[in-house]
Amino acid sequence: MSFTLREHTADVAVEATGETLGDAFAAVADGLTAAMCDQLVETGERFSFSVRAESLEALLFDYLDHLIYERDVRGVLPAAHESIVREADDEWVVDASARGIPFTDVDARDVKAVTYSEMRLERTDEEWDAYVVFDV
């Protein structure tokens, strides 16, 4: 599971890979965290959530959007992401958790939103590849 931040005009993009869909989702989320903060600390409590969507791309979008929502509502930087993606009742579901680092403990930059612009999620021979652009 890994990610790389990519320059993208006025935005930031995350290119990520994972052995499973859940690993790929968590790697993109780790990239989102890295786009918001250079140095993480080990503080904060874990929180869990689930998201449902009709397609994998919509699920990835909604998952990342929910992390931004949690950041805004809880006043924390979501970090140390874990996720499991599964299919249930003709929908895709991600069961996820993250550690919410209080903003008082880090110097975080704002990422405004996840976008569908150039979003890619595909299976290769050995892993899942994802590419997501964030509006900054």
C-alpha atoms as a PDB file:
ATOM      1  CA  MET A   1       0.000   0.000   0.000  1.00  0.00           C
ATOM      2  CA  SER A   2       1.564   3.285  -1.061  1.00  0.00           C
ATOM      3  CA  PHE A   3       0.801   6.753  -2.359  1.00  0.00           C
ATOM      4  CA  THR A   4       2.553   9.594  -4.154  1.00  0.00           C
ATOM      5  CA  LEU A   5       1.517  13.254  -4.203  1.00  0.00           C
ATOM      6  CA  ARG A   6       1.508  14.696  -7.719  1.00  0.00           C
ATOM      7  CA  GLU A   7       1.490  18.326  -8.809  1.00  0.00           C
ATOM      8  CA  HIS A   8      -1.712  19.182 -10.647  1.00  0.00           C
ATOM      9  CA  THR A   9      -2.076  22.804 -11.836  1.00  0.00           C
ATOM     10  CA  ALA A  10      -3.595  24.625  -8.827  1.00  0.00           C
ATOM     11  CA  ASP A  11      -4.755  21.383  -7.200  1.00  0.00           C
ATOM     12  CA  VAL A  12      -3.037  18.331  -5.722  1.00  0.00           C
ATOM     13  CA  ALA A  13      -3.375  14.763  -6.956  1.00  0.00           C
ATOM     14  CA  VAL A  14      -2.775  11.483  -5.163  1.00  0.00           C
ATOM     15  CA  GLU A  15      -1.648   8.397  -7.023  1.00  0.00           C
ATOM     16  CA  ALA A  16      -2.009   5.274  -4.881  1.00  0.00           C
ATOM     17  CA  THR A  17      -1.811   1.505  -5.031  1.00  0.00           C
ATOM     18  CA  GLY A  18      -2.985  -1.311  -2.828  1.00  0.00           C
ATOM     19  CA  GLU A  19      -3.116  -5.083  -2.889  1.00  0.00           C
ATOM     20  CA  THR A  20      -6.858  -4.916  -2.117  1.00  0.00           C
ATOM     21  CA  LEU A  21      -9.511  -2.294  -2.805  1.00  0.00           C
ATOM     22  CA  GLY A  22      -9.489  -1.420   0.890  1.00  0.00           C
ATOM     23  CA  ASP A  23      -5.718  -0.943   0.808  1.00  0.00           C
ATOM     24  CA  ALA A  24      -6.017   1.341  -2.227  1.00  0.00           C
ATOM     25  CA  PHE A  25      -8.768   3.420  -0.564  1.00  0.00           C
ATOM     26  CA  ALA A  26      -6.678   3.756   2.622  1.00  0.00           C
ATOM     27  CA  ALA A  27      -3.587   4.720   0.593  1.00  0.00           C
ATOM     28  CA  VAL A  28      -5.506   7.507  -1.189  1.00  0.00           C
ATOM     29  CA  ALA A  29      -6.761   8.695   2.213  1.00  0.00           C
ATOM     30  CA  ASP A  30      -3.173   8.662   3.532  1.00  0.00           C
ATOM     31  CA  GLY A  31      -2.275  10.818   0.524  1.00  0.00           C
ATOM     32  CA  LEU A  32      -5.093  13.214   1.409  1.00  0.00           C
ATOM     33  CA  THR A  33      -3.659  13.453   4.923  1.00  0.00           C
ATOM     34  CA  ALA A  34      -0.169  14.114   3.527  1.00  0.00           C
ATOM     35  CA  ALA A  35      -1.579  16.853   1.286  1.00  0.00           C
ATOM     36  CA  MET A  36      -2.940  18.567   4.401  1.00  0.00           C
ATOM     37  CA  CYS A  37      -0.013  18.067   6.793  1.00  0.00           C
ATOM     38  CA  ASP A  38       3.738  17.444   6.541  1.00  0.00           C
ATOM     39  CA  GLN A  39       4.368  16.167  10.084  1.00  0.00           C
ATOM     40  CA  LEU A  40       1.960  13.874  11.929  1.00  0.00           C
ATOM     41  CA  VAL A  41       1.864  13.217  15.654  1.00  0.00           C
ATOM     42  CA  GLU A  42       0.585  10.130  17.467  1.00  0.00           C
ATOM     43  CA  THR A  43      -2.297  11.856  19.265  1.00  0.00           C
ATOM     44  CA  GLY A  44      -6.009  11.509  18.635  1.00  0.00           C
ATOM     45  CA  GLU A  45      -8.769   8.952  18.984  1.00  0.00           C
ATOM     46  CA  ARG A  46      -9.865   6.459  16.320  1.00  0.00           C
ATOM     47  CA  PHE A  47     -13.311   6.859  14.810  1.00  0.00           C
ATOM     48  CA  SER A  48     -15.195   4.508  12.490  1.00  0.00           C
ATOM     49  CA  PHE A  49     -17.724   5.004   9.723  1.00  0.00           C
ATOM     50  CA  SER A  50     -19.275   3.284   6.701  1.00  0.00           C
ATOM     51  CA  VAL A  51     -20.145   4.666   3.301  1.00  0.00           C
ATOM     52  CA  ARG A  52     -22.328   3.095   0.575  1.00  0.00           C
ATOM     53  CA  ALA A  53     -22.464   3.894  -3.154  1.00  0.00           C
ATOM     54  CA  GLU A  54     -23.621   2.378  -6.451  1.00  0.00           C
ATOM     55  CA  SER A  55     -20.179   2.233  -8.088  1.00  0.00           C
ATOM     56  CA  LEU A  56     -16.574   1.924  -6.947  1.00  0.00           C
ATOM     57  CA  GLU A  57     -15.667   5.405  -8.219  1.00  0.00           C
ATOM     58  CA  ALA A  58     -18.646   6.936  -6.394  1.00  0.00           C
ATOM     59  CA  LEU A  59     -17.653   4.994  -3.270  1.00  0.00           C
ATOM     60  CA  LEU A  60     -14.088   6.317  -3.411  1.00  0.00           C
ATOM     61  CA  PHE A  61     -15.392   9.866  -3.916  1.00  0.00           C
ATOM     62  CA  ASP A  62     -17.921   9.583  -1.063  1.00  0.00           C
ATOM     63  CA  TYR A  63     -15.334   7.965   1.255  1.00  0.00           C
ATOM     64  CA  LEU A  64     -12.851  10.798   0.733  1.00  0.00           C
ATOM     65  CA  ASP A  65     -15.623  13.402   0.950  1.00  0.00           C
ATOM     66  CA  HIS A  66     -16.679  11.878   4.283  1.00  0.00           C
ATOM     67  CA  LEU A  67     -13.116  12.222   5.594  1.00  0.00           C
ATOM     68  CA  ILE A  68     -13.169  15.925   4.681  1.00  0.00           C
ATOM     69  CA  TYR A  69     -16.567  16.205   6.415  1.00  0.00           C
ATOM     70  CA  GLU A  70     -15.155  14.525   9.545  1.00  0.00           C
ATOM     71  CA  ARG A  71     -12.240  16.961   9.453  1.00  0.00           C
ATOM     72  CA  ASP A  72     -14.609  19.926   9.301  1.00  0.00           C
ATOM     73  CA  VAL A  73     -17.107  18.673  11.904  1.00  0.00           C
ATOM     74  CA  ARG A  74     -14.728  17.106  14.424  1.00  0.00           C
ATOM     75  CA  GLY A  75     -11.916  19.644  13.976  1.00  0.00           C
ATOM     76  CA  VAL A  76      -9.388  16.861  13.438  1.00  0.00           C
ATOM     77  CA  LEU A  77      -6.970  15.697  10.794  1.00  0.00           C
ATOM     78  CA  PRO A  78      -7.954  12.130   9.801  1.00  0.00           C
ATOM     79  CA  ALA A  79      -4.844   9.906   9.690  1.00  0.00           C
ATOM     80  CA  ALA A  80      -3.739   6.248   9.897  1.00  0.00           C
ATOM     81  CA  HIS A  81      -6.529   5.089   7.636  1.00  0.00           C
ATOM     82  CA  GLU A  82      -7.907   1.563   7.487  1.00  0.00           C
ATOM     83  CA  SER A  83     -10.661   0.396   5.162  1.00  0.00           C
ATOM     84  CA  ILE A  84     -12.387  -2.710   3.897  1.00  0.00           C
ATOM     85  CA  VAL A  85     -14.395  -2.544   0.668  1.00  0.00           C
ATOM     86  CA  ARG A  86     -17.135  -5.063  -0.004  1.00  0.00           C
ATOM     87  CA  GLU A  87     -20.191  -5.532  -2.184  1.00  0.00           C
ATOM     88  CA  ALA A  88     -23.580  -5.819  -0.458  1.00  0.00           C
ATOM     89  CA  ASP A  89     -27.135  -5.710  -1.852  1.00  0.00           C
ATOM     90  CA  ASP A  90     -26.156  -4.333  -5.280  1.00  0.00           C
ATOM     91  CA  GLU A  91     -24.059  -1.580  -3.684  1.00  0.00           C
ATOM     92  CA  TRP A  92     -20.450  -1.110  -2.717  1.00  0.00           C
ATOM     93  CA  VAL A  93     -19.631  -0.448   0.944  1.00  0.00           C
ATOM     94  CA  VAL A  94     -16.478   0.789   2.636  1.00  0.00           C
ATOM     95  CA  ASP A  95     -16.127   0.145   6.365  1.00  0.00           C
ATOM     96  CA  ALA A  96     -13.394   2.481   7.521  1.00  0.00           C
ATOM     97  CA  SER A  97     -11.615   3.978  10.482  1.00  0.00           C
ATOM     98  CA  ALA A  98      -9.084   6.740  11.011  1.00  0.00           C
ATOM     99  CA  ARG A  99      -7.301   8.434  13.873  1.00  0.00           C
ATOM    100  CA  GLY A 100      -8.495  12.013  14.366  1.00  0.00           C
ATOM    101  CA  ILE A 101      -5.521  14.198  15.247  1.00  0.00           C
ATOM    102  CA  PRO A 102      -6.727  17.429  16.914  1.00  0.00           C
ATOM    103  CA  PHE A 103      -5.869  20.531  14.873  1.00  0.00           C
ATOM    104  CA  THR A 104      -4.249  21.967  18.002  1.00  0.00           C
ATOM    105  CA  ASP A 105      -1.551  19.276  17.652  1.00  0.00           C
ATOM    106  CA  VAL A 106      -0.631  19.846  13.970  1.00  0.00           C
ATOM    107  CA  ASP A 107      -0.104  22.578  11.413  1.00  0.00           C
ATOM    108  CA  ALA A 108      -2.611  21.595   8.708  1.00  0.00           C
ATOM    109  CA  ARG A 109      -3.352  23.062   5.283  1.00  0.00           C
ATOM    110  CA  ASP A 110      -6.856  23.153   3.820  1.00  0.00           C
ATOM    111  CA  VAL A 111      -8.008  20.778   1.126  1.00  0.00           C
ATOM    112  CA  LYS A 112     -11.389  22.045  -0.031  1.00  0.00           C
ATOM    113  CA  ALA A 113     -12.857  19.029  -1.786  1.00  0.00           C
ATOM    114  CA  VAL A 114     -12.348  15.773  -3.646  1.00  0.00           C
ATOM    115  CA  THR A 115     -13.119  15.942  -7.380  1.00  0.00           C
ATOM    116  CA  TYR A 116     -14.152  13.501 -10.085  1.00  0.00           C
ATOM    117  CA  SER A 117     -11.681  15.263 -12.405  1.00  0.00           C
ATOM    118  CA  GLU A 118      -9.359  12.587 -13.842  1.00  0.00           C
ATOM    119  CA  MET A 119     -10.387  10.100 -11.115  1.00  0.00           C
ATOM    120  CA  ARG A 120      -9.184   6.611 -11.912  1.00  0.00           C
ATOM    121  CA  LEU A 121      -9.662   3.335 -10.051  1.00  0.00           C
ATOM    122  CA  GLU A 122      -8.613   0.161 -11.817  1.00  0.00           C
ATOM    123  CA  ARG A 123      -7.368  -3.330 -11.197  1.00  0.00           C
ATOM    124  CA  THR A 124      -4.020  -4.291 -12.705  1.00  0.00           C
ATOM    125  CA  ASP A 125      -2.522  -7.783 -12.712  1.00  0.00           C
ATOM    126  CA  GLU A 126      -1.336  -7.570  -9.119  1.00  0.00           C
ATOM    127  CA  GLU A 127      -2.962  -4.587  -7.400  1.00  0.00           C
ATOM    128  CA  TRP A 128      -5.497  -1.772  -7.456  1.00  0.00           C
ATOM    129  CA  ASP A 129      -4.380   1.622  -8.808  1.00  0.00           C
ATOM    130  CA  ALA A 130      -6.110   4.872  -7.930  1.00  0.00           C
ATOM    131  CA  TYR A 131      -5.652   8.484  -8.983  1.00  0.00           C
ATOM    132  CA  VAL A 132      -7.632  11.289  -7.334  1.00  0.00           C
ATOM    133  CA  VAL A 133      -7.434  15.090  -7.678  1.00  0.00           C
ATOM    134  CA  PHE A 134      -8.241  17.339  -4.700  1.00  0.00           C
ATOM    135  CA  ASP A 135      -9.257  20.981  -4.878  1.00  0.00           C
ATOM    136  CA  VAL A 136      -6.967  23.075  -2.670  1.00  0.00           C
END
